[in-house]
PDB file of N, CA and C in Angstrom:
ATOM      1  N   MET A   1     -61.125 -39.698  33.607  1.00  0.00           N
ATOM      2  CA  MET A   1     -59.988 -40.105  32.870  1.00  0.00           C
ATOM      3  C   MET A   1     -60.334 -40.450  31.410  1.00  0.00           C
ATOM      4  N   LYS A   2     -61.454 -41.180  31.267  1.00  0.00           N
ATOM      5  CA  LYS A   2     -61.729 -41.539  29.864  1.00  0.00           C
ATOM      6  C   LYS A   2     -62.227 -40.321  29.065  1.00  0.00           C
ATOM      7  N   THR A   3     -62.939 -39.308  29.851  1.00  0.00           N
ATOM      8  CA  THR A   3     -63.285 -38.232  29.113  1.00  0.00           C
ATOM      9  C   THR A   3     -62.276 -37.305  28.528  1.00  0.00           C
ATOM     10  N   LEU A   4     -61.215 -37.264  29.568  1.00  0.00           N
ATOM     11  CA  LEU A   4     -59.855 -36.424  29.102  1.00  0.00           C
ATOM     12  C   LEU A   4     -59.404 -37.130  27.706  1.00  0.00           C
ATOM     13  N   PHE A   5     -59.204 -38.569  27.971  1.00  0.00           N
ATOM     14  CA  PHE A   5     -58.536 -39.360  26.903  1.00  0.00           C
ATOM     15  C   PHE A   5     -59.253 -39.025  25.629  1.00  0.00           C
ATOM     16  N   ALA A   6     -60.714 -39.188  25.591  1.00  0.00           N
ATOM     17  CA  ALA A   6     -61.433 -39.002  24.426  1.00  0.00           C
ATOM     18  C   ALA A   6     -61.404 -37.705  24.031  1.00  0.00           C
ATOM     19  N   LEU A   7     -61.237 -36.640  24.716  1.00  0.00           N
ATOM     20  CA  LEU A   7     -61.087 -35.197  24.458  1.00  0.00           C
ATOM     21  C   LEU A   7     -59.720 -34.871  23.615  1.00  0.00           C
ATOM     22  N   LEU A   8     -58.693 -35.575  24.134  1.00  0.00           N
ATOM     23  CA  LEU A   8     -57.424 -35.489  23.538  1.00  0.00           C
ATOM     24  C   LEU A   8     -57.343 -36.241  22.238  1.00  0.00           C
ATOM     25  N   LEU A   9     -57.981 -37.286  22.031  1.00  0.00           N
ATOM     26  CA  LEU A   9     -58.060 -37.972  20.699  1.00  0.00           C
ATOM     27  C   LEU A   9     -58.791 -37.264  19.839  1.00  0.00           C
ATOM     28  N   PHE A  10     -59.942 -36.546  20.231  1.00  0.00           N
ATOM     29  CA  PHE A  10     -60.678 -35.610  19.384  1.00  0.00           C
ATOM     30  C   PHE A  10     -59.966 -34.487  18.750  1.00  0.00           C
ATOM     31  N   ILE A  11     -59.220 -33.836  19.771  1.00  0.00           N
ATOM     32  CA  ILE A  11     -58.351 -32.650  19.291  1.00  0.00           C
ATOM     33  C   ILE A  11     -57.212 -33.147  18.378  1.00  0.00           C
ATOM     34  N   ALA A  12     -56.514 -34.155  18.663  1.00  0.00           N
ATOM     35  CA  ALA A  12     -55.689 -34.818  17.689  1.00  0.00           C
ATOM     36  C   ALA A  12     -56.185 -35.114  16.282  1.00  0.00           C
ATOM     37  N   ALA A  13     -57.468 -35.663  16.306  1.00  0.00           N
ATOM     38  CA  ALA A  13     -58.080 -35.790  14.915  1.00  0.00           C
ATOM     39  C   ALA A  13     -58.521 -34.583  14.257  1.00  0.00           C
ATOM     40  N   VAL A  14     -58.750 -33.544  14.741  1.00  0.00           N
ATOM     41  CA  VAL A  14     -59.291 -32.373  14.027  1.00  0.00           C
ATOM     42  C   VAL A  14     -58.286 -31.524  13.890  1.00  0.00           C
ATOM     43  N   SER A  15     -57.142 -31.580  14.632  1.00  0.00           N
ATOM     44  CA  SER A  15     -55.904 -30.506  14.434  1.00  0.00           C
ATOM     45  C   SER A  15     -54.816 -31.069  13.864  1.00  0.00           C
ATOM     46  N   PRO A  16     -54.687 -30.866  12.402  1.00  0.00           N
ATOM     47  CA  PRO A  16     -53.555 -31.545  11.783  1.00  0.00           C
ATOM     48  C   PRO A  16     -52.146 -30.964  12.153  1.00  0.00           C
ATOM     49  N   LEU A  17     -51.225 -31.884  12.212  1.00  0.00           N
ATOM     50  CA  LEU A  17     -49.836 -31.629  12.700  1.00  0.00           C
ATOM     51  C   LEU A  17     -49.179 -30.979  11.552  1.00  0.00           C
ATOM     52  N   ALA A  18     -49.542 -31.297  10.261  1.00  0.00           N
ATOM     53  CA  ALA A  18     -48.895 -30.806   9.150  1.00  0.00           C
ATOM     54  C   ALA A  18     -49.960 -30.488   7.937  1.00  0.00           C
ATOM     55  N   ALA A  19     -49.755 -29.563   7.145  1.00  0.00           N
ATOM     56  CA  ALA A  19     -50.690 -29.288   6.112  1.00  0.00           C
ATOM     57  C   ALA A  19     -50.462 -30.364   5.003  1.00  0.00           C
ATOM     58  N   ASP A  20     -51.704 -30.720   4.310  1.00  0.00           N
ATOM     59  CA  ASP A  20     -51.755 -31.955   3.489  1.00  0.00           C
ATOM     60  C   ASP A  20     -50.973 -31.512   2.169  1.00  0.00           C
ATOM     61  N   GLU A  21     -51.321 -30.338   1.553  1.00  0.00           N
ATOM     62  CA  GLU A  21     -50.760 -29.807   0.389  1.00  0.00           C
ATOM     63  C   GLU A  21     -49.744 -28.763   0.552  1.00  0.00           C
ATOM     64  N   PRO A  22     -48.572 -28.917  -0.276  1.00  0.00           N
ATOM     65  CA  PRO A  22     -47.601 -27.824  -0.187  1.00  0.00           C
ATOM     66  C   PRO A  22     -47.928 -26.515  -0.812  1.00  0.00           C
ATOM     67  N   LEU A  23     -47.423 -25.354  -0.303  1.00  0.00           N
ATOM     68  CA  LEU A  23     -47.695 -24.132  -0.874  1.00  0.00           C
ATOM     69  C   LEU A  23     -46.647 -24.009  -2.041  1.00  0.00           C
ATOM     70  N   ARG A  24     -47.203 -23.283  -2.947  1.00  0.00           N
ATOM     71  CA  ARG A  24     -46.106 -23.109  -4.177  1.00  0.00           C
ATOM     72  C   ARG A  24     -45.829 -21.619  -4.459  1.00  0.00           C
ATOM     73  N   LEU A  25     -44.660 -21.495  -4.732  1.00  0.00           N
ATOM     74  CA  LEU A  25     -44.079 -20.134  -5.055  1.00  0.00           C
ATOM     75  C   LEU A  25     -43.084 -20.222  -6.163  1.00  0.00           C
ATOM     76  N   THR A  26     -43.142 -19.301  -7.168  1.00  0.00           N
ATOM     77  CA  THR A  26     -42.243 -19.400  -8.342  1.00  0.00           C
ATOM     78  C   THR A  26     -41.629 -17.947  -8.547  1.00  0.00           C
ATOM     79  N   LEU A  27     -40.349 -18.039  -8.843  1.00  0.00           N
ATOM     80  CA  LEU A  27     -39.678 -16.748  -9.012  1.00  0.00           C
ATOM     81  C   LEU A  27     -39.607 -16.573 -10.646  1.00  0.00           C
ATOM     82  N   ARG A  28     -40.149 -15.394 -11.110  1.00  0.00           N
ATOM     83  CA  ARG A  28     -40.147 -15.162 -12.670  1.00  0.00           C
ATOM     84  C   ARG A  28     -39.941 -13.888 -12.961  1.00  0.00           C
ATOM     85  N   ASP A  29     -38.965 -13.510 -13.617  1.00  0.00           N
ATOM     86  CA  ASP A  29     -38.762 -12.006 -14.071  1.00  0.00           C
ATOM     87  C   ASP A  29     -38.428 -11.155 -12.898  1.00  0.00           C
ATOM     88  N   HIS A  30     -37.744 -11.702 -11.732  1.00  0.00           N
ATOM     89  CA  HIS A  30     -37.589 -10.981 -10.652  1.00  0.00           C
ATOM     90  C   HIS A  30     -38.781 -10.557  -9.817  1.00  0.00           C
ATOM     91  N   LYS A  31     -39.903 -11.536  -9.901  1.00  0.00           N
ATOM     92  CA  LYS A  31     -41.008 -11.435  -9.134  1.00  0.00           C
ATOM     93  C   LYS A  31     -41.324 -12.714  -8.533  1.00  0.00           C
ATOM     94  N   PHE A  32     -42.051 -12.675  -7.411  1.00  0.00           N
ATOM     95  CA  PHE A  32     -42.548 -13.773  -6.859  1.00  0.00           C
ATOM     96  C   PHE A  32     -44.029 -13.901  -7.364  1.00  0.00           C
ATOM     97  N   VAL A  33     -44.268 -15.266  -7.641  1.00  0.00           N
ATOM     98  CA  VAL A  33     -45.716 -15.520  -8.093  1.00  0.00           C
ATOM     99  C   VAL A  33     -46.250 -16.591  -7.348  1.00  0.00           C
ATOM    100  N   PRO A  34     -47.321 -16.306  -6.562  1.00  0.00           N
ATOM    101  CA  PRO A  34     -47.752 -15.167  -6.080  1.00  0.00           C
ATOM    102  C   PRO A  34     -46.848 -14.255  -5.196  1.00  0.00           C
ATOM    103  N   GLU A  35     -47.205 -12.972  -5.179  1.00  0.00           N
ATOM    104  CA  GLU A  35     -46.421 -12.143  -4.154  1.00  0.00           C
ATOM    105  C   GLU A  35     -46.887 -12.357  -2.746  1.00  0.00           C
ATOM    106  N   GLN A  36     -47.963 -12.801  -2.609  1.00  0.00           N
ATOM    107  CA  GLN A  36     -48.494 -13.148  -1.080  1.00  0.00           C
ATOM    108  C   GLN A  36     -48.889 -14.611  -1.108  1.00  0.00           C
ATOM    109  N   ILE A  37     -48.504 -15.335  -0.162  1.00  0.00           N
ATOM    110  CA  ILE A  37     -49.179 -16.542   0.084  1.00  0.00           C
ATOM    111  C   ILE A  37     -49.689 -16.876   1.539  1.00  0.00           C
ATOM    112  N   GLU A  38     -50.686 -17.560   1.664  1.00  0.00           N
ATOM    113  CA  GLU A  38     -51.182 -17.850   3.106  1.00  0.00           C
ATOM    114  C   GLU A  38     -50.851 -19.121   3.448  1.00  0.00           C
ATOM    115  N   ALA A  39     -50.638 -19.258   4.826  1.00  0.00           N
ATOM    116  CA  ALA A  39     -50.341 -20.674   5.400  1.00  0.00           C
ATOM    117  C   ALA A  39     -51.112 -20.800   6.697  1.00  0.00           C
ATOM    118  N   PRO A  40     -51.498 -22.009   7.178  1.00  0.00           N
ATOM    119  CA  PRO A  40     -52.304 -22.184   8.311  1.00  0.00           C
ATOM    120  C   PRO A  40     -51.232 -21.940   9.466  1.00  0.00           C
ATOM    121  N   ALA A  41     -51.864 -21.382  10.559  1.00  0.00           N
ATOM    122  CA  ALA A  41     -51.106 -21.164  11.869  1.00  0.00           C
ATOM    123  C   ALA A  41     -50.876 -22.366  12.569  1.00  0.00           C
ATOM    124  N   HIS A  42     -49.810 -22.489  13.340  1.00  0.00           N
ATOM    125  CA  HIS A  42     -49.694 -23.641  14.196  1.00  0.00           C
ATOM    126  C   HIS A  42     -49.676 -24.927  13.514  1.00  0.00           C
ATOM    127  N   VAL A  43     -49.143 -24.965  12.318  1.00  0.00           N
ATOM    128  CA  VAL A  43     -49.189 -26.232  11.505  1.00  0.00           C
ATOM    129  C   VAL A  43     -47.790 -26.307  10.669  1.00  0.00           C
ATOM    130  N   LYS A  44     -47.155 -27.441  10.620  1.00  0.00           N
ATOM    131  CA  LYS A  44     -45.956 -27.498   9.780  1.00  0.00           C
ATOM    132  C   LYS A  44     -46.448 -27.743   8.460  1.00  0.00           C
ATOM    133  N   PHE A  45     -45.768 -27.071   7.441  1.00  0.00           N
ATOM    134  CA  PHE A  45     -46.208 -27.132   6.019  1.00  0.00           C
ATOM    135  C   PHE A  45     -44.871 -26.976   5.183  1.00  0.00           C
ATOM    136  N   LYS A  46     -45.071 -27.452   3.860  1.00  0.00           N
ATOM    137  CA  LYS A  46     -43.992 -27.538   2.922  1.00  0.00           C
ATOM    138  C   LYS A  46     -44.178 -26.370   1.943  1.00  0.00           C
ATOM    139  N   LEU A  47     -43.195 -25.620   1.717  1.00  0.00           N
ATOM    140  CA  LEU A  47     -43.240 -24.646   0.790  1.00  0.00           C
ATOM    141  C   LEU A  47     -42.251 -25.024  -0.441  1.00  0.00           C
ATOM    142  N   LEU A  48     -42.899 -24.987  -1.565  1.00  0.00           N
ATOM    143  CA  LEU A  48     -42.019 -25.329  -2.731  1.00  0.00           C
ATOM    144  C   LEU A  48     -41.792 -24.160  -3.494  1.00  0.00           C
ATOM    145  N   ILE A  49     -40.561 -23.853  -3.796  1.00  0.00           N
ATOM    146  CA  ILE A  49     -39.911 -22.673  -4.455  1.00  0.00           C
ATOM    147  C   ILE A  49     -39.428 -23.042  -5.736  1.00  0.00           C
ATOM    148  N   LYS A  50     -39.898 -22.604  -6.907  1.00  0.00           N
ATOM    149  CA  LYS A  50     -39.375 -22.805  -8.097  1.00  0.00           C
ATOM    150  C   LYS A  50     -38.736 -21.569  -8.702  1.00  0.00           C
ATOM    151  N   ASN A  51     -37.559 -21.747  -9.144  1.00  0.00           N
ATOM    152  CA  ASN A  51     -36.725 -20.622 -10.017  1.00  0.00           C
ATOM    153  C   ASN A  51     -36.989 -20.907 -11.280  1.00  0.00           C
ATOM    154  N   ASP A  52     -37.884 -20.032 -11.830  1.00  0.00           N
ATOM    155  CA  ASP A  52     -38.146 -20.060 -13.244  1.00  0.00           C
ATOM    156  C   ASP A  52     -37.580 -18.738 -13.868  1.00  0.00           C
ATOM    157  N   SER A  53     -36.166 -18.672 -13.577  1.00  0.00           N
ATOM    158  CA  SER A  53     -35.430 -17.511 -14.217  1.00  0.00           C
ATOM    159  C   SER A  53     -34.121 -17.991 -14.739  1.00  0.00           C
ATOM    160  N   ALA A  54     -33.470 -17.206 -15.238  1.00  0.00           N
ATOM    161  CA  ALA A  54     -32.098 -17.611 -15.881  1.00  0.00           C
ATOM    162  C   ALA A  54     -30.952 -17.563 -14.726  1.00  0.00           C
ATOM    163  N   GLY A  55     -31.140 -17.039 -13.603  1.00  0.00           N
ATOM    164  CA  GLY A  55     -29.995 -16.848 -12.747  1.00  0.00           C
ATOM    165  C   GLY A  55     -30.327 -17.451 -11.433  1.00  0.00           C
ATOM    166  N   THR A  56     -29.362 -17.742 -10.630  1.00  0.00           N
ATOM    167  CA  THR A  56     -29.556 -18.284  -9.318  1.00  0.00           C
ATOM    168  C   THR A  56     -30.117 -17.361  -8.509  1.00  0.00           C
ATOM    169  N   ILE A  57     -31.132 -17.805  -7.421  1.00  0.00           N
ATOM    170  CA  ILE A  57     -31.669 -16.932  -6.530  1.00  0.00           C
ATOM    171  C   ILE A  57     -31.293 -17.420  -5.161  1.00  0.00           C
ATOM    172  N   GLU A  58     -31.618 -16.472  -4.268  1.00  0.00           N
ATOM    173  CA  GLU A  58     -31.312 -16.914  -2.844  1.00  0.00           C
ATOM    174  C   GLU A  58     -32.551 -16.370  -2.067  1.00  0.00           C
ATOM    175  N   TRP A  59     -33.584 -17.369  -1.853  1.00  0.00           N
ATOM    176  CA  TRP A  59     -34.742 -17.147  -1.055  1.00  0.00           C
ATOM    177  C   TRP A  59     -34.336 -16.937   0.248  1.00  0.00           C
ATOM    178  N   GLU A  60     -34.835 -15.883   0.841  1.00  0.00           N
ATOM    179  CA  GLU A  60     -34.428 -15.586   2.379  1.00  0.00           C
ATOM    180  C   GLU A  60     -35.559 -14.910   3.027  1.00  0.00           C
ATOM    181  N   SER A  61     -35.599 -15.225   4.368  1.00  0.00           N
ATOM    182  CA  SER A  61     -36.687 -14.483   5.199  1.00  0.00           C
ATOM    183  C   SER A  61     -35.842 -14.343   6.480  1.00  0.00           C
ATOM    184  N   ASP A  62     -35.686 -13.026   6.941  1.00  0.00           N
ATOM    185  CA  ASP A  62     -34.982 -12.847   8.218  1.00  0.00           C
ATOM    186  C   ASP A  62     -35.892 -13.187   9.302  1.00  0.00           C
ATOM    187  N   GLU A  63     -37.094 -13.040   9.289  1.00  0.00           N
ATOM    188  CA  GLU A  63     -38.076 -13.348  10.346  1.00  0.00           C
ATOM    189  C   GLU A  63     -38.253 -14.789  10.585  1.00  0.00           C
ATOM    190  N   LEU A  64     -38.195 -15.681   9.453  1.00  0.00           N
ATOM    191  CA  LEU A  64     -38.090 -17.169   9.651  1.00  0.00           C
ATOM    192  C   LEU A  64     -36.770 -17.681   9.868  1.00  0.00           C
ATOM    193  N   ASP A  65     -35.706 -16.874   9.725  1.00  0.00           N
ATOM    194  CA  ASP A  65     -34.169 -17.249   9.819  1.00  0.00           C
ATOM    195  C   ASP A  65     -34.082 -18.473   8.877  1.00  0.00           C
ATOM    196  N   ARG A  66     -34.284 -18.347   7.735  1.00  0.00           N
ATOM    197  CA  ARG A  66     -34.118 -19.322   6.637  1.00  0.00           C
ATOM    198  C   ARG A  66     -33.630 -18.716   5.375  1.00  0.00           C
ATOM    199  N   GLU A  67     -32.836 -19.507   4.663  1.00  0.00           N
ATOM    200  CA  GLU A  67     -32.478 -19.059   3.262  1.00  0.00           C
ATOM    201  C   GLU A  67     -32.303 -20.366   2.518  1.00  0.00           C
ATOM    202  N   GLU A  68     -32.370 -20.344   1.200  1.00  0.00           N
ATOM    203  CA  GLU A  68     -32.151 -21.260   0.294  1.00  0.00           C
ATOM    204  C   GLU A  68     -31.703 -20.854  -1.023  1.00  0.00           C
ATOM    205  N   VAL A  69     -30.508 -21.488  -1.465  1.00  0.00           N
ATOM    206  CA  VAL A  69     -30.004 -21.022  -2.727  1.00  0.00           C
ATOM    207  C   VAL A  69     -30.689 -22.087  -3.765  1.00  0.00           C
ATOM    208  N   ILE A  70     -31.232 -21.581  -4.773  1.00  0.00           N
ATOM    209  CA  ILE A  70     -32.013 -22.269  -5.863  1.00  0.00           C
ATOM    210  C   ILE A  70     -31.580 -21.892  -7.195  1.00  0.00           C
ATOM    211  N   GLU A  71     -31.010 -22.962  -7.905  1.00  0.00           N
ATOM    212  CA  GLU A  71     -30.471 -22.775  -9.205  1.00  0.00           C
ATOM    213  C   GLU A  71     -31.388 -22.564 -10.306  1.00  0.00           C
ATOM    214  N   PRO A  72     -31.214 -22.074 -11.417  1.00  0.00           N
ATOM    215  CA  PRO A  72     -32.353 -21.769 -12.626  1.00  0.00           C
ATOM    216  C   PRO A  72     -32.964 -23.137 -12.864  1.00  0.00           C
ATOM    217  N   GLY A  73     -34.220 -23.131 -12.984  1.00  0.00           N
ATOM    218  CA  GLY A  73     -34.990 -24.308 -13.401  1.00  0.00           C
ATOM    219  C   GLY A  73     -35.203 -25.268 -12.222  1.00  0.00           C
ATOM    220  N   GLU A  74     -34.661 -25.100 -10.998  1.00  0.00           N
ATOM    221  CA  GLU A  74     -34.714 -25.971  -9.906  1.00  0.00           C
ATOM    222  C   GLU A  74     -35.843 -25.668  -9.061  1.00  0.00           C
ATOM    223  N   GLU A  75     -36.544 -26.693  -8.463  1.00  0.00           N
ATOM    224  CA  GLU A  75     -37.643 -26.487  -7.445  1.00  0.00           C
ATOM    225  C   GLU A  75     -37.092 -27.082  -6.222  1.00  0.00           C
ATOM    226  N   ARG A  76     -37.259 -26.277  -5.150  1.00  0.00           N
ATOM    227  CA  ARG A  76     -36.692 -26.682  -3.913  1.00  0.00           C
ATOM    228  C   ARG A  76     -37.840 -26.609  -2.958  1.00  0.00           C
ATOM    229  N   GLY A  77     -38.003 -27.741  -2.046  1.00  0.00           N
ATOM    230  CA  GLY A  77     -39.046 -27.719  -1.056  1.00  0.00           C
ATOM    231  C   GLY A  77     -38.370 -27.571   0.464  1.00  0.00           C
ATOM    232  N   ILE A  78     -39.187 -26.680   1.243  1.00  0.00           N
ATOM    233  CA  ILE A  78     -38.509 -26.381   2.559  1.00  0.00           C
ATOM    234  C   ILE A  78     -39.757 -26.611   3.453  1.00  0.00           C
ATOM    235  N   PHE A  79     -39.368 -27.060   4.729  1.00  0.00           N
ATOM    236  CA  PHE A  79     -40.541 -27.092   5.724  1.00  0.00           C
ATOM    237  C   PHE A  79     -40.578 -25.992   6.628  1.00  0.00           C
ATOM    238  N   LEU A  80     -41.596 -25.297   6.886  1.00  0.00           N
ATOM    239  CA  LEU A  80     -41.629 -24.366   7.832  1.00  0.00           C
ATOM    240  C   LEU A  80     -42.827 -24.581   8.842  1.00  0.00           C
ATOM    241  N   GLY A  81     -42.704 -23.908   9.942  1.00  0.00           N
ATOM    242  CA  GLY A  81     -43.690 -24.008  10.993  1.00  0.00           C
ATOM    243  C   GLY A  81     -43.461 -25.148  12.002  1.00  0.00           C
ATOM    244  N   PRO A  82     -44.320 -25.340  12.871  1.00  0.00           N
ATOM    245  CA  PRO A  82     -45.511 -24.526  13.051  1.00  0.00           C
ATOM    246  C   PRO A  82     -45.382 -22.879  13.305  1.00  0.00           C
ATOM    247  N   LEU A  83     -45.896 -22.061  12.818  1.00  0.00           N
ATOM    248  CA  LEU A  83     -45.783 -20.586  12.855  1.00  0.00           C
ATOM    249  C   LEU A  83     -46.949 -20.005  13.600  1.00  0.00           C
ATOM    250  N   ASP A  84     -46.713 -18.927  14.486  1.00  0.00           N
ATOM    251  CA  ASP A  84     -47.819 -18.263  15.039  1.00  0.00           C
ATOM    252  C   ASP A  84     -48.394 -17.214  13.975  1.00  0.00           C
ATOM    253  N   PRO A  85     -49.645 -16.805  14.106  1.00  0.00           N
ATOM    254  CA  PRO A  85     -50.293 -15.993  12.987  1.00  0.00           C
ATOM    255  C   PRO A  85     -49.447 -14.614  13.010  1.00  0.00           C
ATOM    256  N   GLY A  86     -49.312 -14.218  11.703  1.00  0.00           N
ATOM    257  CA  GLY A  86     -48.573 -12.997  11.554  1.00  0.00           C
ATOM    258  C   GLY A  86     -48.065 -12.841  10.028  1.00  0.00           C
ATOM    259  N   ASN A  87     -47.350 -11.788   9.665  1.00  0.00           N
ATOM    260  CA  ASN A  87     -46.880 -11.705   8.399  1.00  0.00           C
ATOM    261  C   ASN A  87     -45.179 -11.766   8.407  1.00  0.00           C
ATOM    262  N   TYR A  88     -44.860 -12.567   7.556  1.00  0.00           N
ATOM    263  CA  TYR A  88     -43.398 -12.968   7.399  1.00  0.00           C
ATOM    264  C   TYR A  88     -42.883 -12.748   5.850  1.00  0.00           C
ATOM    265  N   PRO A  89     -42.178 -11.484   5.838  1.00  0.00           N
ATOM    266  CA  PRO A  89     -41.675 -11.181   4.543  1.00  0.00           C
ATOM    267  C   PRO A  89     -40.595 -12.121   4.251  1.00  0.00           C
ATOM    268  N   PHE A  90     -40.305 -12.137   2.953  1.00  0.00           N
ATOM    269  CA  PHE A  90     -39.167 -12.833   2.192  1.00  0.00           C
ATOM    270  C   PHE A  90     -38.864 -12.090   1.004  1.00  0.00           C
ATOM    271  N   TYR A  91     -37.640 -12.392   0.491  1.00  0.00           N
ATOM    272  CA  TYR A  91     -36.981 -11.736  -0.597  1.00  0.00           C
ATOM    273  C   TYR A  91     -35.896 -12.627  -1.192  1.00  0.00           C
ATOM    274  N   ASP A  92     -35.577 -12.171  -2.504  1.00  0.00           N
ATOM    275  CA  ASP A  92     -34.336 -12.818  -3.276  1.00  0.00           C
ATOM    276  C   ASP A  92     -33.131 -11.919  -2.648  1.00  0.00           C
ATOM    277  N   ASP A  93     -32.192 -12.575  -1.939  1.00  0.00           N
ATOM    278  CA  ASP A  93     -31.158 -11.830  -1.559  1.00  0.00           C
ATOM    279  C   ASP A  93     -30.149 -11.356  -2.615  1.00  0.00           C
ATOM    280  N   ARG A  94     -30.216 -12.014  -3.661  1.00  0.00           N
ATOM    281  CA  ARG A  94     -29.399 -11.445  -4.763  1.00  0.00           C
ATOM    282  C   ARG A  94     -30.088 -10.417  -5.614  1.00  0.00           C
ATOM    283  N   HIS A  95     -31.306 -10.257  -5.462  1.00  0.00           N
ATOM    284  CA  HIS A  95     -32.092  -9.124  -6.038  1.00  0.00           C
ATOM    285  C   HIS A  95     -33.092  -8.555  -5.085  1.00  0.00           C
ATOM    286  N   GLN A  96     -32.595  -7.737  -4.099  1.00  0.00           N
ATOM    287  CA  GLN A  96     -33.388  -7.337  -2.854  1.00  0.00           C
ATOM    288  C   GLN A  96     -34.765  -6.601  -3.096  1.00  0.00           C
ATOM    289  N   ALA A  97     -34.864  -6.048  -4.369  1.00  0.00           N
ATOM    290  CA  ALA A  97     -36.105  -5.500  -4.670  1.00  0.00           C
ATOM    291  C   ALA A  97     -37.334  -6.460  -4.956  1.00  0.00           C
ATOM    292  N   THR A  98     -36.825  -7.783  -5.126  1.00  0.00           N
ATOM    293  CA  THR A  98     -37.714  -8.860  -5.255  1.00  0.00           C
ATOM    294  C   THR A  98     -38.284  -9.376  -3.958  1.00  0.00           C
ATOM    295  N   LYS A  99     -39.646  -8.975  -3.600  1.00  0.00           N
ATOM    296  CA  LYS A  99     -40.094  -9.263  -2.257  1.00  0.00           C
ATOM    297  C   LYS A  99     -41.451 -10.082  -2.326  1.00  0.00           C
ATOM    298  N   GLY A 100     -41.723 -10.593  -1.272  1.00  0.00           N
ATOM    299  CA  GLY A 100     -42.957 -11.240  -1.232  1.00  0.00           C
ATOM    300  C   GLY A 100     -43.283 -11.397   0.349  1.00  0.00           C
ATOM    301  N   LEU A 101     -44.602 -11.892   0.643  1.00  0.00           N
ATOM    302  CA  LEU A 101     -45.097 -12.119   1.938  1.00  0.00           C
ATOM    303  C   LEU A 101     -45.692 -13.149   2.260  1.00  0.00           C
ATOM    304  N   LEU A 102     -45.396 -14.113   3.244  1.00  0.00           N
ATOM    305  CA  LEU A 102     -46.136 -15.199   3.801  1.00  0.00           C
ATOM    306  C   LEU A 102     -47.073 -14.683   4.913  1.00  0.00           C
ATOM    307  N   ILE A 103     -48.304 -14.855   4.874  1.00  0.00           N
ATOM    308  CA  ILE A 103     -49.283 -14.365   5.812  1.00  0.00           C
ATOM    309  C   ILE A 103     -49.835 -15.725   6.366  1.00  0.00           C
ATOM    310  N   VAL A 104     -49.590 -15.836   7.633  1.00  0.00           N
ATOM    311  CA  VAL A 104     -50.019 -16.833   8.562  1.00  0.00           C
ATOM    312  C   VAL A 104     -51.254 -16.605   9.218  1.00  0.00           C
ATOM    313  N   LYS A 105     -52.232 -17.227   8.965  1.00  0.00           N
ATOM    314  CA  LYS A 105     -53.630 -17.057   9.821  1.00  0.00           C
ATOM    315  C   LYS A 105     -53.955 -18.252  10.535  1.00  0.00           C
TER     316      LYS A 105
END
């Protein structure tokens, strides 16, 4: 029983439940910067999205079932995860040619 408890404590210590630093994403000139971002699998994390454009954007991901309306000059934080490894596309719903990709490893 003590061995199992020690093992569970070790796993909890080395497996973070949330990422320490937020991921950052900026929309500028109808492009996401960067266009691809990486996140850790099986961990909750914060994504900070900054709208560095003159118009309102609607960050959206069908695969993540999330959308956020972000006004010009505004930065919005959203929590995602824990997610399984894979690729999660996102886009600006108001300018659908503006696309990006979240890669979870």
